[in-house]
Protein backbone atom coordinates (compact mmCIF):
# COMPACT_ATOMS: atom_id res chain seq x y z
CA MET A 1 95.79 128.21 100.66
CA GLU A 2 96.10 125.17 98.39
CA HIS A 3 92.79 124.03 96.88
CA ARG A 4 94.10 120.91 95.15
CA PRO A 5 93.78 117.59 96.99
CA ASP A 6 97.09 116.29 98.26
CA PRO A 7 98.42 113.55 95.95
CA ILE A 8 98.11 110.98 98.75
CA GLN A 9 94.37 111.72 98.83
CA ILE A 10 93.92 110.90 95.16
CA ILE A 11 92.82 107.34 94.58
CA THR A 12 91.46 105.51 91.58
CA ARG A 13 89.52 102.28 91.55
CA PRO A 14 90.61 100.31 88.50
CA SER A 15 88.72 97.31 87.23
CA ALA A 16 90.36 93.93 87.80
CA SER A 17 91.49 93.83 84.16
CA VAL A 18 93.14 97.26 84.43
CA ALA A 19 94.82 96.39 87.74
CA GLN A 20 96.43 93.36 86.11
CA ASP A 21 98.13 95.78 83.71
CA ARG A 22 100.11 97.99 86.09
CA ILE A 23 100.87 100.46 83.28
CA GLN A 24 97.14 101.14 82.78
CA ALA A 25 96.62 101.50 86.54
CA LEU A 26 99.53 103.96 86.68
CA GLY A 27 98.14 105.90 83.72
CA ALA A 28 94.65 106.11 85.24
CA TRP A 29 96.05 107.47 88.51
CA MET A 30 98.26 110.00 86.70
CA ASP A 31 95.22 111.20 84.70
CA ALA A 32 93.28 111.70 87.95
CA ALA A 33 96.17 113.63 89.52
CA ARG A 34 96.52 115.84 86.44
CA HIS A 35 92.76 116.45 86.45
CA ALA A 36 93.14 117.58 90.09
CA GLY A 37 95.66 120.17 88.90
CA TRP A 38 99.04 118.52 89.55
CA ARG A 39 101.97 118.35 87.14
CA VAL A 40 102.87 114.64 87.13
CA ASP A 41 105.87 113.09 85.39
CA PRO A 42 106.51 109.34 85.33
CA LEU A 43 109.98 108.23 86.41
CA ASP A 44 111.79 105.45 84.57
CA GLU A 45 112.94 103.44 87.59
CA PRO A 46 112.31 99.79 88.46
CA VAL A 47 109.54 98.86 90.88
CA ASP A 48 108.44 95.63 92.56
CA TRP A 49 105.38 94.65 90.50
CA PRO A 50 104.61 91.43 92.45
CA ALA A 51 104.43 93.56 95.62
CA GLY A 52 101.77 95.78 94.01
CA GLU A 53 103.96 98.69 92.95
CA CYS A 54 102.86 100.37 89.68
CA GLY A 55 105.58 102.95 89.19
CA LEU A 56 107.28 106.07 90.41
CA VAL A 57 106.21 109.61 89.62
CA ASP A 58 107.53 113.09 90.24
CA ILE A 59 104.86 115.56 91.32
CA GLU A 60 106.21 119.08 91.27
CA GLY A 61 109.55 118.12 92.80
CA LEU A 62 108.49 115.33 95.18
CA ARG A 63 108.64 111.61 94.38
CA TYR A 64 105.76 109.21 94.97
CA LEU A 65 105.46 105.45 94.68
CA LEU A 66 102.18 104.31 93.14
CA ARG A 67 100.67 101.09 94.42
CA VAL A 68 97.66 98.99 93.44
CA GLY A 69 95.91 96.53 95.73
CA LEU A 70 92.88 95.80 97.85
CA ARG A 71 92.47 98.99 99.85
CA GLY A 72 89.27 100.87 98.96
CA ARG A 73 86.19 100.09 101.01
CA THR A 74 82.93 99.19 99.26
CA ARG A 75 79.95 96.87 99.77
CA ALA A 76 79.27 93.57 98.06
CA VAL A 77 75.66 92.61 97.34
CA LEU A 78 74.73 89.14 98.53
CA LEU A 79 72.11 87.37 96.46
CA PRO A 80 70.90 83.79 96.68
CA ALA A 81 72.06 81.92 93.57
CA ALA A 82 68.50 80.92 92.64
CA HIS A 83 67.33 84.54 92.65
CA ALA A 84 70.35 86.30 91.19
CA ASP A 85 69.00 86.77 87.67
CA ARG A 86 65.76 88.50 88.64
CA ALA A 87 67.10 90.35 91.69
CA VAL A 88 70.13 92.01 90.17
CA ALA A 89 68.30 95.25 89.36
CA ARG A 90 67.01 95.79 92.93
CA PRO A 91 70.37 96.61 94.59
CA LEU A 92 71.15 99.04 91.81
CA ALA A 93 67.91 100.84 92.58
CA GLY A 94 68.86 101.14 96.26
CA ASP A 95 66.56 98.44 97.63
CA PRO A 96 67.17 98.46 101.41
CA ALA A 97 66.09 94.79 101.63
CA SER A 98 69.18 93.65 99.72
CA ALA A 99 71.84 92.06 101.89
CA THR A 100 75.34 93.53 101.62
CA ARG A 101 78.64 93.13 103.39
CA PRO A 102 81.75 95.33 103.52
CA VAL A 103 84.63 94.31 101.24
CA LEU A 104 87.85 95.82 99.96
CA GLN A 105 88.20 96.67 96.29
CA LEU A 106 91.16 97.33 94.03
CA THR A 107 92.53 100.81 94.50
CA THR A 108 95.52 102.73 93.15
CA TRP A 109 97.16 105.23 95.50
CA ALA A 110 100.37 107.20 95.97
CA GLU A 111 102.85 107.08 98.84
CA PRO A 112 105.49 109.80 99.24
CA LEU A 113 109.13 108.75 99.09
CA PHE A 114 111.69 110.41 101.27
CA ASP A 115 115.29 110.93 100.15
CA ALA A 116 116.55 108.71 102.98
CA GLU A 117 114.48 105.73 101.75
CA PRO A 118 116.58 103.32 99.70
CA ARG A 119 114.99 101.80 96.60
CA ARG A 120 115.48 98.11 95.90
């Protein structure tokens, strides 16, 4: 039985500055996949960067399209502007009195490509 996570289960959460540089986002995801035990090779084919595509990779004979966008779920801490400076440390300490709300954060993930799918 396979003990490695499937490549579609591997996600990275790049910072906003890294996500702006699709090459860095691609590299971070490839590092995570390699750390999980996969042999990953980048493919030199064009992708639609404005649509959030980072690049194409070959993972042990199957092709995957890497994307970056708002997908990962997290929580944003809500602080009143007047209290932000002195209250910033409380949420980090797990203060249950801090108000939060669910938000999506930048995430890089892989989608399998099938031979029948045409590339633009």
